[in-house]
Amino acid sequence: MKKTIILVILLLAIVTGCGDNNKKCNTNALKFKEEYEKYNKVLKIDIKDDNPMVKMNKNNIIKKIDSSNGILFFGDPKNSDSRTLVKELLKTAKDYDCEIIYYYDIDDLKDNNVYEELKTKLGEYSLKNNIVIFYKKGDITKYQEYVKDIKELDKNLVEGFDSISGGMCEVAKQC
């Protein structure tokens, strides 16, 4: 009888703890979902609650690119091209079990030292919204801007994922 009571208490603690943890751990994903879905009158997109999107701290952008493998999406939730690009990015990320994709609105970064450093790091590529940057230990392995041809866009996104260690994104659950 004591074992049964202890087992029930333990199970309740695990179930209760998991429920609270999911609420805490999905704040990045839920914030992104809310940010993008509130403009569904522009172009309707459905974003899952457990999406991999994490807003990048502007002061960590260069450090993150230099020290890890990953993906950085620059977009504006009000812009149809950004919305289409993120929709396709999330679809492709699901196939790669990507746990984290960083995002930032480039308009919030202008007139800042980080903006200039990032422009230098990108070299010949344009620094603007509606782009995805795939990076690997300091190198930009793939730069993808929005293109209207969805098949071409999807093909290029797959190439981007493949360019970072066979598609391995930064490994760190949001929980």
Protein backbone atom coordinates (compact mmCIF):
# COMPACT_ATOMS: atom_id res chain seq x y z
CA MET A 1 0.00 0.00 0.00
CA LYS A 2 2.82 2.41 0.89
CA LYS A 3 4.50 1.71 -2.45
CA THR A 4 1.28 2.50 -4.30
CA ILE A 5 0.83 5.82 -2.48
CA ILE A 6 4.45 6.79 -3.08
CA LEU A 7 4.11 5.85 -6.75
CA VAL A 8 0.93 7.93 -7.12
CA ILE A 9 2.56 10.94 -5.43
CA LEU A 10 5.64 10.58 -7.61
CA LEU A 11 3.54 10.37 -10.79
CA LEU A 12 1.52 13.43 -9.78
CA ALA A 13 4.71 15.38 -9.11
CA ILE A 14 6.11 14.43 -12.51
CA VAL A 15 2.89 15.29 -14.35
CA THR A 16 2.46 18.58 -12.52
CA GLY A 17 6.09 19.54 -12.99
CA CYS A 18 6.00 18.80 -16.73
CA GLY A 19 2.93 20.96 -17.23
CA ASP A 20 4.55 23.96 -15.60
CA ASN A 21 7.84 23.40 -17.42
CA ASN A 22 6.15 23.44 -20.82
CA LYS A 23 4.58 26.81 -20.03
CA LYS A 24 7.96 28.25 -19.04
CA CYS A 25 10.04 26.66 -21.77
CA ASN A 26 7.90 27.72 -24.71
CA THR A 27 7.93 31.47 -24.07
CA ASN A 28 10.28 32.12 -27.04
CA ALA A 29 8.22 29.96 -29.38
CA LEU A 30 4.92 31.42 -28.19
CA LYS A 31 6.20 34.99 -28.48
CA PHE A 32 7.30 34.34 -32.08
CA LYS A 33 3.97 32.68 -32.90
CA GLU A 34 2.05 35.63 -31.47
CA GLU A 35 4.31 38.17 -33.20
CA TYR A 36 3.81 36.60 -36.63
CA GLU A 37 0.21 35.38 -36.39
CA LYS A 38 -1.14 38.76 -35.35
CA TYR A 39 -0.55 39.89 -38.95
CA ASN A 40 -2.48 37.00 -40.50
CA LYS A 41 -4.58 39.52 -42.44
CA VAL A 42 -1.48 40.19 -44.55
CA LEU A 43 -0.79 36.51 -45.30
CA LYS A 44 -2.19 33.74 -43.13
CA ILE A 45 0.39 31.44 -41.57
CA ASP A 46 -0.09 28.90 -38.79
CA ILE A 47 2.87 28.51 -36.47
CA LYS A 48 3.04 25.66 -33.97
CA ASP A 49 3.39 26.39 -30.27
CA ASP A 50 6.59 24.34 -30.14
CA ASN A 51 8.38 26.08 -33.03
CA PRO A 52 12.19 26.46 -32.82
CA MET A 53 12.29 30.28 -33.08
CA VAL A 54 14.28 32.23 -30.48
CA LYS A 55 14.79 35.98 -30.67
CA MET A 56 18.49 36.71 -30.83
CA ASN A 57 19.99 39.25 -28.47
CA LYS A 58 21.61 41.81 -30.79
CA ASN A 59 24.78 41.88 -28.70
CA ASN A 60 25.25 38.11 -29.18
CA ILE A 61 24.77 37.91 -32.96
CA ILE A 62 28.45 38.04 -33.98
CA LYS A 63 29.57 35.89 -31.04
CA LYS A 64 26.97 33.23 -31.89
CA ILE A 65 27.95 33.15 -35.58
CA ASP A 66 31.63 32.86 -34.65
CA SER A 67 31.22 30.11 -32.05
CA SER A 68 28.54 27.69 -33.25
CA ASN A 69 26.57 26.17 -36.11
CA GLY A 70 23.14 27.56 -36.71
CA ILE A 71 20.57 29.58 -38.52
CA LEU A 72 19.63 33.24 -38.26
CA PHE A 73 16.47 34.55 -39.90
CA PHE A 74 16.04 38.28 -40.47
CA GLY A 75 12.42 39.19 -41.04
CA ASP A 76 9.55 41.54 -40.38
CA PRO A 77 6.24 39.97 -39.25
CA LYS A 78 4.24 42.55 -41.24
CA ASN A 79 6.01 41.74 -44.52
CA SER A 80 4.47 39.09 -46.82
CA ASP A 81 7.87 37.95 -48.13
CA SER A 82 9.17 37.45 -44.57
CA ARG A 83 6.04 35.55 -43.67
CA THR A 84 6.36 33.23 -46.67
CA LEU A 85 10.07 32.71 -46.01
CA VAL A 86 9.52 31.83 -42.35
CA LYS A 87 6.69 29.46 -43.27
CA GLU A 88 9.00 27.53 -45.62
CA LEU A 89 11.91 27.72 -43.15
CA LEU A 90 9.82 26.18 -40.38
CA LYS A 91 8.55 23.46 -42.71
CA THR A 92 12.11 22.53 -43.68
CA ALA A 93 13.41 22.79 -40.10
CA LYS A 94 10.89 20.18 -39.01
CA ASP A 95 12.51 17.66 -41.39
CA TYR A 96 15.88 18.30 -39.73
CA ASP A 97 14.67 18.20 -36.10
CA CYS A 98 16.07 21.70 -35.72
CA GLU A 99 15.77 22.81 -32.10
CA ILE A 100 16.72 26.48 -32.40
CA ILE A 101 16.53 29.03 -35.19
CA TYR A 102 17.41 32.56 -34.18
CA TYR A 103 15.52 35.53 -35.57
CA TYR A 104 15.81 39.28 -35.57
CA ASP A 105 14.21 42.24 -37.37
CA ILE A 106 17.10 44.02 -39.09
CA ASP A 107 15.27 47.35 -38.78
CA ASP A 108 15.82 47.10 -35.01
CA LEU A 109 19.56 46.71 -35.55
CA LYS A 110 20.41 49.61 -37.86
CA ASP A 111 22.63 52.44 -36.62
CA ASN A 112 24.46 50.06 -34.32
CA ASN A 113 28.01 48.67 -34.20
CA VAL A 114 26.63 45.12 -34.49
CA TYR A 115 24.97 46.07 -37.78
CA GLU A 116 28.31 47.22 -39.22
CA GLU A 117 30.13 44.11 -37.95
CA LEU A 118 27.47 41.88 -39.43
CA LYS A 119 27.66 43.69 -42.79
CA THR A 120 31.41 43.07 -42.79
CA LYS A 121 30.93 39.40 -41.89
CA LEU A 122 28.42 38.95 -44.75
CA GLY A 123 30.82 40.47 -47.27
CA GLU A 124 29.15 40.50 -50.68
CA TYR A 125 25.72 39.59 -49.31
CA SER A 126 23.08 42.19 -48.48
CA LEU A 127 22.05 42.69 -44.88
CA LYS A 128 18.28 43.15 -44.93
CA ASN A 129 15.04 41.52 -43.86
CA ASN A 130 13.74 38.47 -45.72
CA ILE A 131 17.01 36.53 -45.50
CA VAL A 132 18.22 33.37 -43.79
CA ILE A 133 21.87 32.99 -42.86
CA PHE A 134 23.30 29.52 -42.24
CA TYR A 135 26.58 29.68 -40.33
CA LYS A 136 29.24 27.28 -39.12
CA LYS A 137 31.96 28.36 -36.70
CA GLY A 138 32.40 31.85 -38.12
CA ASP A 139 31.71 31.11 -41.77
CA ILE A 140 28.53 31.91 -43.65
CA THR A 141 27.82 28.57 -45.34
CA LYS A 142 24.61 29.61 -47.09
CA TYR A 143 22.81 32.90 -47.57
CA GLN A 144 19.22 32.70 -48.75
CA GLU A 145 16.96 35.60 -49.60
CA TYR A 146 13.27 35.27 -50.24
CA VAL A 147 12.48 34.13 -53.79
CA LYS A 148 8.96 33.78 -55.22
CA ASP A 149 9.57 30.31 -56.66
CA ILE A 150 8.71 28.14 -53.63
CA LYS A 151 10.37 25.02 -55.10
CA GLU A 152 13.62 26.93 -55.56
CA LEU A 153 13.31 28.44 -52.08
CA ASP A 154 12.73 25.02 -50.48
CA LYS A 155 15.67 23.51 -52.41
CA ASN A 156 17.96 26.33 -51.25
CA LEU A 157 16.80 26.01 -47.63
CA VAL A 158 17.58 22.29 -47.70
CA GLU A 159 21.05 23.14 -49.04
CA GLY A 160 21.44 25.59 -46.17
CA PHE A 161 20.56 23.00 -43.56
CA ASP A 162 22.91 20.52 -45.22
CA SER A 163 25.70 23.12 -45.20
CA ILE A 164 25.86 23.18 -41.41
CA SER A 165 27.15 19.74 -40.43
CA GLY A 166 24.60 17.75 -42.38
CA GLY A 167 21.72 19.85 -41.13
CA MET A 168 22.59 19.87 -37.45
CA CYS A 169 21.25 23.05 -35.86
CA GLU A 170 22.33 24.32 -32.50
CA VAL A 171 21.35 21.66 -29.99
CA ALA A 172 19.58 23.23 -27.06
CA LYS A 173 15.96 22.61 -26.26
CA GLN A 174 13.96 25.67 -25.34
CA CYS A 175 13.11 23.89 -22.09
